[in-house]
């Protein structure tokens, strides 16, 4: 029974990650996909000031891209769809850069805690 449950969870994680164009950020026992509309994600990234620190740590993102990334995650103009659209336009190097910046600021990437 436990094996079936674990396989079901793994399948859900794979299906969910296949349907998203961003990645999961995880810190302090909580994880959220960038682009989700969750208020808890907003608190974790925006109210805490963490997203500003993460964006400051990037080297491959233009100032305009950083501004857009912040605006679509943290301002009154929050939009999960716009975050996803922005992420899709990023190069492989830019995606790696932002994931590395999250890691440098205490986040795990694509971690699913049990």
N, C-alpha and C. Protein backbone atom coordinates (compact mmCIF):
# COMPACT_ATOMS: atom_id res chain seq x y z
N UNK A 1 0.82 -1.20 0.00
CA UNK A 1 0.00 0.00 0.00
C UNK A 1 0.87 1.26 0.00
N UNK A 2 1.93 1.27 0.82
CA UNK A 2 2.82 2.42 0.88
C UNK A 2 3.49 2.65 -0.47
N UNK A 3 3.89 1.56 -1.12
CA UNK A 3 4.54 1.68 -2.43
C UNK A 3 3.59 2.30 -3.44
N UNK A 4 2.35 1.86 -3.45
CA UNK A 4 1.36 2.42 -4.38
C UNK A 4 1.16 3.90 -4.11
N UNK A 5 1.07 4.27 -2.85
CA UNK A 5 0.89 5.67 -2.49
C UNK A 5 2.10 6.50 -2.94
N UNK A 6 3.30 6.00 -2.69
CA UNK A 6 4.51 6.72 -3.10
C UNK A 6 4.57 6.86 -4.61
N UNK A 7 4.19 5.84 -5.34
CA UNK A 7 4.17 5.91 -6.81
C UNK A 7 3.13 6.91 -7.30
N UNK A 8 2.00 6.97 -6.63
CA UNK A 8 0.96 7.94 -6.99
C UNK A 8 1.45 9.37 -6.79
N UNK A 9 2.11 9.61 -5.67
CA UNK A 9 2.65 10.94 -5.39
C UNK A 9 3.71 11.29 -6.43
N UNK A 10 4.59 10.38 -6.73
CA UNK A 10 5.64 10.63 -7.72
C UNK A 10 5.04 10.95 -9.08
N UNK A 11 4.00 10.22 -9.46
CA UNK A 11 3.34 10.48 -10.74
C UNK A 11 2.69 11.86 -10.76
N UNK A 12 2.07 12.25 -9.64
CA UNK A 12 1.45 13.59 -9.56
C UNK A 12 2.51 14.68 -9.68
N UNK A 13 3.64 14.48 -9.03
CA UNK A 13 4.72 15.47 -9.09
C UNK A 13 5.23 15.60 -10.52
N UNK A 14 5.45 14.47 -11.17
CA UNK A 14 5.91 14.51 -12.56
C UNK A 14 4.89 15.16 -13.48
N UNK A 15 3.63 14.85 -13.29
CA UNK A 15 2.58 15.44 -14.12
C UNK A 15 2.49 16.94 -13.88
N UNK A 16 2.54 17.35 -12.62
CA UNK A 16 2.47 18.77 -12.29
C UNK A 16 3.66 19.52 -12.85
N UNK A 17 4.85 18.96 -12.70
CA UNK A 17 6.03 19.67 -13.19
C UNK A 17 6.05 19.68 -14.71
N UNK A 18 5.44 18.71 -15.36
CA UNK A 18 5.39 18.71 -16.82
C UNK A 18 4.42 19.77 -17.33
N UNK A 19 3.48 20.18 -16.51
CA UNK A 19 2.47 21.14 -16.93
C UNK A 19 2.85 22.58 -16.59
N UNK A 20 3.93 22.77 -15.92
CA UNK A 20 4.33 24.11 -15.55
C UNK A 20 5.54 24.53 -16.35
N UNK A 21 5.70 25.80 -16.52
CA UNK A 21 6.85 26.28 -17.26
C UNK A 21 7.86 26.93 -16.33
N UNK A 22 7.64 26.89 -15.03
CA UNK A 22 8.57 27.46 -14.07
C UNK A 22 9.12 26.34 -13.20
N UNK A 23 9.60 26.68 -12.02
CA UNK A 23 10.16 25.69 -11.12
C UNK A 23 9.64 25.93 -9.71
N UNK A 24 9.86 24.95 -8.86
CA UNK A 24 9.40 24.99 -7.48
C UNK A 24 10.51 25.55 -6.59
N UNK A 25 10.18 26.55 -5.81
CA UNK A 25 11.12 27.08 -4.81
C UNK A 25 10.66 26.60 -3.45
N UNK A 26 11.60 26.16 -2.62
CA UNK A 26 11.28 25.53 -1.35
C UNK A 26 12.19 26.09 -0.27
N UNK A 27 11.57 26.52 0.84
CA UNK A 27 12.34 27.03 1.97
C UNK A 27 11.51 26.91 3.24
N UNK A 28 12.16 26.55 4.31
CA UNK A 28 11.51 26.47 5.62
C UNK A 28 10.25 25.61 5.62
N UNK A 29 10.31 24.49 4.93
CA UNK A 29 9.20 23.55 4.93
C UNK A 29 8.05 23.89 4.01
N UNK A 30 8.22 24.92 3.16
CA UNK A 30 7.15 25.31 2.25
C UNK A 30 7.71 25.44 0.84
N UNK A 31 6.92 25.01 -0.14
CA UNK A 31 7.36 25.11 -1.52
C UNK A 31 6.24 25.58 -2.42
N UNK A 32 6.59 26.42 -3.38
CA UNK A 32 5.61 26.99 -4.31
C UNK A 32 6.24 27.11 -5.69
N UNK A 33 5.41 26.93 -6.70
CA UNK A 33 5.87 27.18 -8.06
C UNK A 33 5.86 28.67 -8.32
N UNK A 34 6.93 29.16 -8.94
CA UNK A 34 6.91 30.55 -9.41
C UNK A 34 5.76 30.66 -10.38
N UNK A 35 5.02 31.70 -10.27
CA UNK A 35 3.86 31.87 -11.14
C UNK A 35 2.56 31.42 -10.51
N UNK A 36 2.65 30.79 -9.33
CA UNK A 36 1.40 30.43 -8.66
C UNK A 36 0.80 31.69 -8.06
N UNK A 37 -0.49 31.70 -7.90
CA UNK A 37 -1.17 32.87 -7.35
C UNK A 37 -1.32 32.83 -5.85
N UNK A 38 -0.61 31.96 -5.20
CA UNK A 38 -0.74 31.74 -3.77
C UNK A 38 -0.32 32.95 -2.95
N UNK A 39 -1.15 33.31 -1.97
CA UNK A 39 -0.78 34.38 -1.04
C UNK A 39 0.39 33.95 -0.17
N UNK A 40 0.48 32.66 0.13
CA UNK A 40 1.60 32.16 0.93
C UNK A 40 2.91 32.31 0.15
N UNK A 41 2.88 32.08 -1.16
CA UNK A 41 4.07 32.29 -1.99
C UNK A 41 4.44 33.77 -1.98
N UNK A 42 3.45 34.64 -2.07
CA UNK A 42 3.69 36.08 -2.01
C UNK A 42 4.40 36.44 -0.70
N UNK A 43 3.92 35.91 0.41
CA UNK A 43 4.53 36.19 1.71
C UNK A 43 5.96 35.68 1.78
N UNK A 44 6.19 34.48 1.26
CA UNK A 44 7.51 33.87 1.32
C UNK A 44 8.52 34.65 0.47
N UNK A 45 8.13 35.06 -0.71
CA UNK A 45 9.07 35.71 -1.62
C UNK A 45 9.05 37.23 -1.55
N UNK A 46 7.89 37.81 -1.42
CA UNK A 46 7.76 39.26 -1.56
C UNK A 46 7.75 40.00 -0.23
N UNK A 47 6.85 39.60 0.65
CA UNK A 47 6.74 40.29 1.94
C UNK A 47 8.04 40.15 2.74
N UNK A 48 8.74 39.04 2.55
CA UNK A 48 10.01 38.81 3.26
C UNK A 48 11.17 39.59 2.65
N UNK A 49 11.01 40.04 1.40
CA UNK A 49 12.10 40.71 0.70
C UNK A 49 13.05 39.76 0.00
N UNK A 50 12.77 38.46 0.08
CA UNK A 50 13.66 37.47 -0.52
C UNK A 50 13.79 37.60 -2.03
N UNK A 51 12.69 37.89 -2.73
CA UNK A 51 12.79 37.96 -4.19
C UNK A 51 13.72 39.10 -4.62
N UNK A 52 13.69 40.20 -3.90
CA UNK A 52 14.61 41.30 -4.21
C UNK A 52 16.06 40.86 -4.05
N UNK A 53 16.36 40.10 -3.00
CA UNK A 53 17.71 39.58 -2.78
C UNK A 53 18.11 38.60 -3.88
N UNK A 54 17.18 37.75 -4.26
CA UNK A 54 17.44 36.76 -5.31
C UNK A 54 17.74 37.48 -6.62
N UNK A 55 16.91 38.43 -6.98
CA UNK A 55 17.12 39.14 -8.24
C UNK A 55 18.42 39.94 -8.22
N UNK A 56 18.79 40.49 -7.08
CA UNK A 56 20.06 41.22 -6.96
C UNK A 56 21.25 40.29 -7.15
N UNK A 57 21.07 39.01 -6.83
CA UNK A 57 22.16 38.04 -6.94
C UNK A 57 22.33 37.48 -8.35
N UNK A 58 21.42 37.79 -9.24
CA UNK A 58 21.54 37.28 -10.61
C UNK A 58 22.54 38.12 -11.40
N UNK A 59 23.16 37.48 -12.38
CA UNK A 59 24.13 38.19 -13.23
C UNK A 59 23.73 38.17 -14.70
N UNK A 60 22.78 37.32 -15.05
CA UNK A 60 22.41 37.14 -16.45
C UNK A 60 21.12 37.85 -16.84
N UNK A 61 20.39 38.38 -15.86
CA UNK A 61 19.11 39.02 -16.15
C UNK A 61 19.29 40.52 -16.34
N UNK A 62 18.66 41.06 -17.36
CA UNK A 62 18.70 42.50 -17.59
C UNK A 62 17.90 43.21 -16.50
N UNK A 63 18.19 44.49 -16.28
CA UNK A 63 17.38 45.24 -15.30
C UNK A 63 15.89 45.22 -15.63
N UNK A 64 15.56 45.25 -16.90
CA UNK A 64 14.15 45.22 -17.32
C UNK A 64 13.51 43.88 -16.97
N UNK A 65 14.27 42.80 -17.17
CA UNK A 65 13.73 41.47 -16.86
C UNK A 65 13.56 41.32 -15.35
N UNK A 66 14.51 41.83 -14.58
CA UNK A 66 14.39 41.79 -13.11
C UNK A 66 13.17 42.57 -12.66
N UNK A 67 12.98 43.76 -13.23
CA UNK A 67 11.81 44.58 -12.87
C UNK A 67 10.51 43.85 -13.19
N UNK A 68 10.44 43.26 -14.37
CA UNK A 68 9.23 42.53 -14.77
C UNK A 68 9.00 41.33 -13.87
N UNK A 69 10.07 40.60 -13.58
CA UNK A 69 9.96 39.43 -12.72
C UNK A 69 9.42 39.83 -11.36
N UNK A 70 9.94 40.93 -10.82
CA UNK A 70 9.46 41.40 -9.51
C UNK A 70 8.01 41.88 -9.62
N UNK A 71 7.72 42.66 -10.63
CA UNK A 71 6.38 43.22 -10.79
C UNK A 71 5.32 42.12 -10.89
N UNK A 72 5.58 41.11 -11.69
CA UNK A 72 4.58 40.07 -11.91
C UNK A 72 4.49 39.07 -10.75
N UNK A 73 5.45 39.11 -9.84
CA UNK A 73 5.38 38.27 -8.64
C UNK A 73 4.89 39.03 -7.42
N UNK A 74 5.27 40.33 -7.31
CA UNK A 74 5.12 41.00 -6.03
C UNK A 74 4.30 42.29 -6.03
N UNK A 75 3.97 42.84 -7.15
CA UNK A 75 3.24 44.11 -7.14
C UNK A 75 1.73 43.87 -7.23
N UNK A 76 1.00 44.96 -7.28
CA UNK A 76 -0.45 44.88 -7.45
C UNK A 76 -0.80 44.25 -8.81
N UNK A 77 0.16 44.26 -9.71
CA UNK A 77 -0.03 43.67 -11.04
C UNK A 77 0.38 42.19 -11.08
N UNK A 78 0.39 41.53 -9.93
CA UNK A 78 0.78 40.12 -9.88
C UNK A 78 0.02 39.32 -10.92
N UNK A 79 0.75 38.46 -11.61
CA UNK A 79 0.13 37.62 -12.63
C UNK A 79 0.95 36.36 -12.82
N UNK A 80 0.39 35.25 -12.44
CA UNK A 80 1.06 33.97 -12.65
C UNK A 80 1.31 33.70 -14.11
N UNK A 81 0.36 34.04 -14.96
CA UNK A 81 0.53 33.82 -16.39
C UNK A 81 1.69 34.65 -16.95
N UNK A 82 1.82 35.88 -16.48
CA UNK A 82 2.91 36.73 -16.97
C UNK A 82 4.26 36.25 -16.47
N UNK A 83 4.30 35.72 -15.25
CA UNK A 83 5.54 35.13 -14.74
C UNK A 83 5.95 33.96 -15.63
N UNK A 84 4.99 33.10 -15.93
CA UNK A 84 5.27 31.95 -16.78
C UNK A 84 5.71 32.39 -18.18
N UNK A 85 5.04 33.40 -18.74
CA UNK A 85 5.42 33.90 -20.06
C UNK A 85 6.84 34.46 -20.03
N UNK A 86 7.16 35.19 -18.99
CA UNK A 86 8.50 35.75 -18.86
C UNK A 86 9.54 34.64 -18.74
N UNK A 87 9.24 33.65 -17.93
CA UNK A 87 10.18 32.54 -17.73
C UNK A 87 10.44 31.79 -19.03
N UNK A 88 9.41 31.63 -19.84
CA UNK A 88 9.57 30.93 -21.13
C UNK A 88 10.51 31.68 -22.06
N UNK A 89 10.55 33.01 -21.96
CA UNK A 89 11.41 33.80 -22.84
C UNK A 89 12.87 33.80 -22.38
N UNK A 90 13.14 33.32 -21.18
CA UNK A 90 14.49 33.33 -20.65
C UNK A 90 15.36 32.29 -21.35
N UNK A 91 16.63 32.61 -21.51
CA UNK A 91 17.58 31.65 -22.07
C UNK A 91 17.91 30.59 -21.02
N UNK A 92 18.53 29.53 -21.47
CA UNK A 92 18.95 28.46 -20.56
C UNK A 92 19.89 29.03 -19.48
N UNK A 93 20.79 29.93 -19.87
CA UNK A 93 21.72 30.53 -18.92
C UNK A 93 21.00 31.40 -17.90
N UNK A 94 19.99 32.14 -18.34
CA UNK A 94 19.22 32.98 -17.42
C UNK A 94 18.43 32.13 -16.43
N UNK A 95 17.87 31.03 -16.90
CA UNK A 95 17.13 30.13 -16.00
C UNK A 95 18.06 29.53 -14.97
N UNK A 96 19.23 29.12 -15.41
CA UNK A 96 20.22 28.57 -14.48
C UNK A 96 20.65 29.64 -13.48
N UNK A 97 20.83 30.85 -13.95
CA UNK A 97 21.23 31.97 -13.10
C UNK A 97 20.22 32.23 -12.00
N UNK A 98 18.95 32.27 -12.33
CA UNK A 98 17.94 32.57 -11.31
C UNK A 98 17.78 31.40 -10.34
N UNK A 99 17.89 30.18 -10.82
CA UNK A 99 17.85 29.03 -9.91
C UNK A 99 19.04 29.08 -8.95
N UNK A 100 20.22 29.42 -9.47
CA UNK A 100 21.42 29.53 -8.62
C UNK A 100 21.26 30.66 -7.60
N UNK A 101 20.65 31.76 -8.00
CA UNK A 101 20.42 32.87 -7.08
C UNK A 101 19.46 32.47 -5.96
N UNK A 102 18.43 31.70 -6.29
CA UNK A 102 17.53 31.20 -5.24
C UNK A 102 18.32 30.31 -4.28
N UNK A 103 19.14 29.41 -4.81
CA UNK A 103 19.94 28.52 -3.95
C UNK A 103 20.87 29.32 -3.05
N UNK A 104 21.50 30.35 -3.61
CA UNK A 104 22.42 31.18 -2.83
C UNK A 104 21.70 31.93 -1.71
N UNK A 105 20.39 32.06 -1.82
CA UNK A 105 19.59 32.75 -0.81
C UNK A 105 18.79 31.79 0.06
N UNK A 106 19.25 30.54 0.14
CA UNK A 106 18.68 29.59 1.09
C UNK A 106 17.51 28.77 0.60
N UNK A 107 17.23 28.79 -0.70
CA UNK A 107 16.12 28.03 -1.26
C UNK A 107 16.61 26.73 -1.88
N UNK A 108 15.78 25.72 -1.81
CA UNK A 108 15.98 24.51 -2.58
C UNK A 108 15.11 24.62 -3.83
N UNK A 109 15.54 24.02 -4.90
CA UNK A 109 14.82 24.07 -6.17
C UNK A 109 14.24 22.70 -6.48
N UNK A 110 12.96 22.68 -6.82
CA UNK A 110 12.24 21.46 -7.22
C UNK A 110 12.32 20.36 -6.18
N UNK A 111 12.31 20.72 -4.93
CA UNK A 111 12.31 19.76 -3.83
C UNK A 111 10.88 19.57 -3.35
N UNK A 112 10.50 18.34 -3.20
CA UNK A 112 9.18 18.02 -2.65
C UNK A 112 9.39 17.29 -1.33
N UNK A 113 9.07 17.94 -0.25
CA UNK A 113 9.23 17.34 1.08
C UNK A 113 8.08 16.42 1.39
N UNK A 114 8.37 15.37 2.13
CA UNK A 114 7.33 14.40 2.52
C UNK A 114 6.94 14.60 3.96
